[in-house]
Amino acid sequence: MAKEIYIKRDHSLELDEALKRAKALVAELADEYSLSQEWEGTVGSIKHGLTGVTGGVEIFKDAVVVHVNLSFFYSAFKGMIEVKIHEALDRELGRV
């Protein structure tokens, strides 16, 4: 059974700036973890073909929503992955 991560993070940035930072962050993570990424407007999706991990990010005027669907194997690392996502969001968006 796959596990899901859902994180909603408020921000105080302009929408364009939040989108720019989110795209940079997703690109960085895609390079680091061999993920494919695709953007349509303010919605980005990621996929790791070998592991079955998928997810996405959606940028709103006052919040960012991240969701990740973990494969069975990676569900054991859910807590560690959540911490890494929170750290990356803190670095790119700051805390509100």
N, C-alpha and C. Protein backbone atom coordinates (compact mmCIF):
# COMPACT_ATOMS: atom_id res chain seq x y z
N MET A 1 0.84 -1.18 0.00
CA MET A 1 0.00 0.00 0.00
C MET A 1 0.88 1.24 0.00
N ALA A 2 0.59 2.16 -0.88
CA ALA A 2 1.36 3.40 -1.00
C ALA A 2 0.96 4.37 0.12
N LYS A 3 1.88 5.19 0.50
CA LYS A 3 1.63 6.23 1.49
C LYS A 3 1.64 7.58 0.81
N GLU A 4 0.90 8.50 1.38
CA GLU A 4 0.80 9.83 0.79
C GLU A 4 1.32 10.89 1.76
N ILE A 5 2.02 11.86 1.21
CA ILE A 5 2.46 13.02 1.97
C ILE A 5 1.69 14.21 1.44
N TYR A 6 1.15 15.02 2.34
CA TYR A 6 0.42 16.22 1.95
C TYR A 6 0.91 17.35 2.85
N ILE A 7 1.43 18.40 2.25
CA ILE A 7 1.93 19.54 3.01
C ILE A 7 1.37 20.81 2.38
N LYS A 8 0.77 21.64 3.22
CA LYS A 8 0.31 22.95 2.76
C LYS A 8 1.12 23.99 3.54
N ARG A 9 1.78 24.88 2.79
CA ARG A 9 2.63 25.88 3.42
C ARG A 9 2.18 27.26 2.99
N ASP A 10 1.79 28.09 3.94
CA ASP A 10 1.45 29.49 3.64
C ASP A 10 2.71 30.25 3.28
N HIS A 11 2.56 31.27 2.45
CA HIS A 11 3.68 32.14 2.12
C HIS A 11 3.16 33.57 1.97
N SER A 12 4.10 34.52 2.00
CA SER A 12 3.73 35.92 1.87
C SER A 12 4.34 36.55 0.61
N LEU A 13 4.73 35.72 -0.34
CA LEU A 13 5.34 36.20 -1.58
C LEU A 13 4.28 36.54 -2.61
N GLU A 14 4.67 37.33 -3.59
CA GLU A 14 3.80 37.54 -4.76
C GLU A 14 3.71 36.20 -5.49
N LEU A 15 2.61 35.97 -6.17
CA LEU A 15 2.39 34.70 -6.86
C LEU A 15 3.53 34.38 -7.83
N ASP A 16 3.94 35.36 -8.63
CA ASP A 16 5.01 35.12 -9.60
C ASP A 16 6.32 34.72 -8.92
N GLU A 17 6.64 35.36 -7.81
CA GLU A 17 7.87 35.03 -7.09
C GLU A 17 7.78 33.64 -6.45
N ALA A 18 6.63 33.32 -5.88
CA ALA A 18 6.45 31.99 -5.30
C ALA A 18 6.57 30.91 -6.37
N LEU A 19 6.00 31.17 -7.54
CA LEU A 19 6.09 30.21 -8.65
C LEU A 19 7.53 30.05 -9.12
N LYS A 20 8.24 31.16 -9.24
CA LYS A 20 9.64 31.12 -9.66
C LYS A 20 10.47 30.30 -8.69
N ARG A 21 10.28 30.52 -7.41
CA ARG A 21 11.04 29.78 -6.38
C ARG A 21 10.66 28.31 -6.36
N ALA A 22 9.38 28.02 -6.51
CA ALA A 22 8.93 26.62 -6.51
C ALA A 22 9.51 25.88 -7.72
N LYS A 23 9.50 26.52 -8.88
CA LYS A 23 10.06 25.88 -10.07
C LYS A 23 11.56 25.62 -9.90
N ALA A 24 12.27 26.56 -9.31
CA ALA A 24 13.70 26.38 -9.06
C ALA A 24 13.93 25.22 -8.10
N LEU A 25 13.12 25.14 -7.06
CA LEU A 25 13.25 24.07 -6.08
C LEU A 25 12.96 22.72 -6.71
N VAL A 26 11.88 22.62 -7.48
CA VAL A 26 11.54 21.36 -8.13
C VAL A 26 12.63 20.95 -9.12
N ALA A 27 13.18 21.91 -9.85
CA ALA A 27 14.26 21.60 -10.79
C ALA A 27 15.49 21.07 -10.05
N GLU A 28 15.81 21.68 -8.93
CA GLU A 28 16.95 21.23 -8.12
C GLU A 28 16.73 19.79 -7.63
N LEU A 29 15.54 19.52 -7.11
CA LEU A 29 15.24 18.18 -6.62
C LEU A 29 15.18 17.17 -7.76
N ALA A 30 14.69 17.59 -8.91
CA ALA A 30 14.63 16.70 -10.08
C ALA A 30 16.03 16.28 -10.49
N ASP A 31 16.96 17.23 -10.49
CA ASP A 31 18.35 16.90 -10.82
C ASP A 31 18.96 15.97 -9.77
N GLU A 32 18.73 16.29 -8.51
CA GLU A 32 19.34 15.53 -7.42
C GLU A 32 18.82 14.10 -7.34
N TYR A 33 17.52 13.91 -7.61
CA TYR A 33 16.91 12.59 -7.41
C TYR A 33 16.44 11.94 -8.72
N SER A 34 16.89 12.42 -9.85
CA SER A 34 16.55 11.85 -11.17
C SER A 34 15.04 11.77 -11.39
N LEU A 35 14.37 12.89 -11.15
CA LEU A 35 12.93 12.96 -11.32
C LEU A 35 12.61 13.63 -12.65
N SER A 36 11.52 13.23 -13.27
CA SER A 36 11.03 13.99 -14.41
C SER A 36 10.04 15.02 -13.84
N GLN A 37 9.97 16.16 -14.48
CA GLN A 37 9.06 17.22 -14.01
C GLN A 37 8.33 17.84 -15.18
N GLU A 38 7.17 18.33 -14.90
CA GLU A 38 6.36 18.99 -15.92
C GLU A 38 5.53 20.07 -15.23
N TRP A 39 5.41 21.22 -15.89
CA TRP A 39 4.64 22.33 -15.33
C TRP A 39 3.55 22.73 -16.31
N GLU A 40 2.38 23.01 -15.75
CA GLU A 40 1.28 23.58 -16.51
C GLU A 40 0.71 24.71 -15.66
N GLY A 41 1.08 25.92 -16.00
CA GLY A 41 0.65 27.07 -15.21
C GLY A 41 1.29 27.02 -13.83
N THR A 42 0.47 27.00 -12.82
CA THR A 42 0.96 26.99 -11.44
C THR A 42 0.98 25.60 -10.83
N VAL A 43 0.83 24.58 -11.65
CA VAL A 43 0.81 23.20 -11.18
C VAL A 43 1.99 22.43 -11.77
N GLY A 44 2.79 21.86 -10.90
CA GLY A 44 3.91 21.05 -11.34
C GLY A 44 3.72 19.60 -10.93
N SER A 45 4.22 18.69 -11.74
CA SER A 45 4.16 17.27 -11.37
C SER A 45 5.56 16.67 -11.49
N ILE A 46 5.81 15.68 -10.64
CA ILE A 46 7.10 14.99 -10.64
C ILE A 46 6.85 13.49 -10.68
N LYS A 47 7.85 12.79 -11.18
CA LYS A 47 7.75 11.33 -11.23
C LYS A 47 9.15 10.74 -11.24
N HIS A 48 9.29 9.67 -10.49
CA HIS A 48 10.54 8.90 -10.53
C HIS A 48 10.17 7.55 -11.11
N GLY A 49 10.53 7.35 -12.36
CA GLY A 49 10.10 6.18 -13.11
C GLY A 49 10.49 4.85 -12.51
N LEU A 50 11.66 4.74 -11.90
CA LEU A 50 12.13 3.45 -11.38
C LEU A 50 11.46 3.06 -10.07
N THR A 51 11.10 4.03 -9.25
CA THR A 51 10.57 3.73 -7.92
C THR A 51 9.06 3.82 -7.83
N GLY A 52 8.43 4.48 -8.79
CA GLY A 52 6.99 4.65 -8.72
C GLY A 52 6.55 5.82 -7.85
N VAL A 53 7.49 6.61 -7.36
CA VAL A 53 7.16 7.78 -6.55
C VAL A 53 6.66 8.88 -7.50
N THR A 54 5.50 9.45 -7.19
CA THR A 54 4.94 10.53 -7.98
C THR A 54 4.48 11.63 -7.04
N GLY A 55 4.22 12.79 -7.60
CA GLY A 55 3.73 13.87 -6.76
C GLY A 55 3.55 15.14 -7.54
N GLY A 56 3.32 16.19 -6.80
CA GLY A 56 3.12 17.47 -7.45
C GLY A 56 3.15 18.61 -6.47
N VAL A 57 3.12 19.79 -7.06
CA VAL A 57 3.11 21.02 -6.28
C VAL A 57 2.17 21.99 -6.97
N GLU A 58 1.40 22.69 -6.18
CA GLU A 58 0.50 23.70 -6.73
C GLU A 58 0.73 25.00 -5.97
N ILE A 59 0.89 26.08 -6.74
CA ILE A 59 1.19 27.38 -6.16
C ILE A 59 -0.09 28.22 -6.16
N PHE A 60 -0.43 28.76 -5.01
CA PHE A 60 -1.56 29.67 -4.86
C PHE A 60 -1.01 31.02 -4.43
N LYS A 61 -1.87 32.04 -4.44
CA LYS A 61 -1.40 33.39 -4.09
C LYS A 61 -0.91 33.50 -2.66
N ASP A 62 -1.34 32.60 -1.78
CA ASP A 62 -0.92 32.68 -0.38
C ASP A 62 -0.43 31.36 0.20
N ALA A 63 -0.31 30.33 -0.64
CA ALA A 63 0.10 29.02 -0.12
C ALA A 63 0.69 28.15 -1.24
N VAL A 64 1.44 27.17 -0.80
CA VAL A 64 1.99 26.15 -1.69
C VAL A 64 1.53 24.81 -1.14
N VAL A 65 1.03 23.96 -2.02
CA VAL A 65 0.60 22.62 -1.62
C VAL A 65 1.49 21.61 -2.32
N VAL A 66 2.07 20.71 -1.52
CA VAL A 66 2.92 19.65 -2.04
C VAL A 66 2.28 18.32 -1.68
N HIS A 67 2.20 17.43 -2.66
CA HIS A 67 1.74 16.08 -2.35
C HIS A 67 2.68 15.09 -3.03
N VAL A 68 2.92 14.00 -2.33
CA VAL A 68 3.81 12.95 -2.84
C VAL A 68 3.15 11.61 -2.56
N ASN A 69 3.11 10.76 -3.57
CA ASN A 69 2.62 9.40 -3.41
C ASN A 69 3.82 8.47 -3.41
N LEU A 70 4.05 7.83 -2.27
CA LEU A 70 5.21 6.97 -2.11
C LEU A 70 4.87 5.53 -2.45
N SER A 71 5.78 4.86 -3.09
CA SER A 71 5.61 3.43 -3.33
C SER A 71 5.74 2.69 -2.00
N PHE A 72 5.40 1.42 -1.99
CA PHE A 72 5.45 0.64 -0.75
C PHE A 72 6.82 0.72 -0.09
N PHE A 73 7.88 0.51 -0.87
CA PHE A 73 9.23 0.53 -0.32
C PHE A 73 9.55 1.88 0.31
N TYR A 74 9.25 2.96 -0.37
CA TYR A 74 9.59 4.30 0.12
C TYR A 74 8.68 4.78 1.23
N SER A 75 7.58 4.09 1.47
CA SER A 75 6.69 4.49 2.56
C SER A 75 7.42 4.37 3.90
N ALA A 76 8.43 3.51 3.99
CA ALA A 76 9.21 3.38 5.22
C ALA A 76 10.01 4.65 5.51
N PHE A 77 10.24 5.48 4.49
CA PHE A 77 11.02 6.70 4.64
C PHE A 77 10.15 7.95 4.66
N LYS A 78 8.84 7.78 4.88
CA LYS A 78 7.91 8.89 4.81
C LYS A 78 8.31 10.05 5.73
N GLY A 79 8.63 9.78 6.96
CA GLY A 79 8.99 10.83 7.91
C GLY A 79 10.22 11.60 7.47
N MET A 80 11.23 10.91 7.01
CA MET A 80 12.46 11.55 6.56
C MET A 80 12.20 12.41 5.32
N ILE A 81 11.37 11.92 4.41
CA ILE A 81 11.04 12.68 3.20
C ILE A 81 10.25 13.93 3.56
N GLU A 82 9.32 13.82 4.50
CA GLU A 82 8.56 15.00 4.94
C GLU A 82 9.48 16.06 5.53
N VAL A 83 10.43 15.65 6.33
CA VAL A 83 11.39 16.60 6.92
C VAL A 83 12.17 17.31 5.83
N LYS A 84 12.63 16.57 4.82
CA LYS A 84 13.39 17.17 3.72
C LYS A 84 12.54 18.18 2.94
N ILE A 85 11.26 17.86 2.73
CA ILE A 85 10.36 18.78 2.03
C ILE A 85 10.18 20.06 2.84
N HIS A 86 9.95 19.92 4.15
CA HIS A 86 9.78 21.10 5.01
C HIS A 86 11.04 21.96 5.01
N GLU A 87 12.21 21.34 5.06
CA GLU A 87 13.47 22.08 5.02
C GLU A 87 13.61 22.85 3.71
N ALA A 88 13.28 22.20 2.60
CA ALA A 88 13.38 22.86 1.29
C ALA A 88 12.39 24.01 1.19
N LEU A 89 11.18 23.83 1.69
CA LEU A 89 10.19 24.91 1.67
C LEU A 89 10.63 26.07 2.56
N ASP A 90 11.19 25.77 3.72
CA ASP A 90 11.70 26.83 4.60
C ASP A 90 12.76 27.65 3.87
N ARG A 91 13.67 26.96 3.20
CA ARG A 91 14.78 27.62 2.51
C ARG A 91 14.29 28.49 1.36
N GLU A 92 13.33 28.01 0.58
CA GLU A 92 12.89 28.73 -0.61
C GLU A 92 11.78 29.74 -0.36
N LEU A 93 10.88 29.44 0.55
CA LEU A 93 9.72 30.31 0.75
C LEU A 93 9.75 31.06 2.07
N GLY A 94 10.60 30.64 2.97
CA GLY A 94 10.62 31.24 4.29
C GLY A 94 9.44 30.74 5.11
N ARG A 95 9.40 31.17 6.33
CA ARG A 95 8.28 30.79 7.20
C ARG A 95 7.37 31.99 7.38
N VAL A 96 6.07 31.72 7.41
CA VAL A 96 5.09 32.79 7.62
C VAL A 96 4.62 32.75 9.06
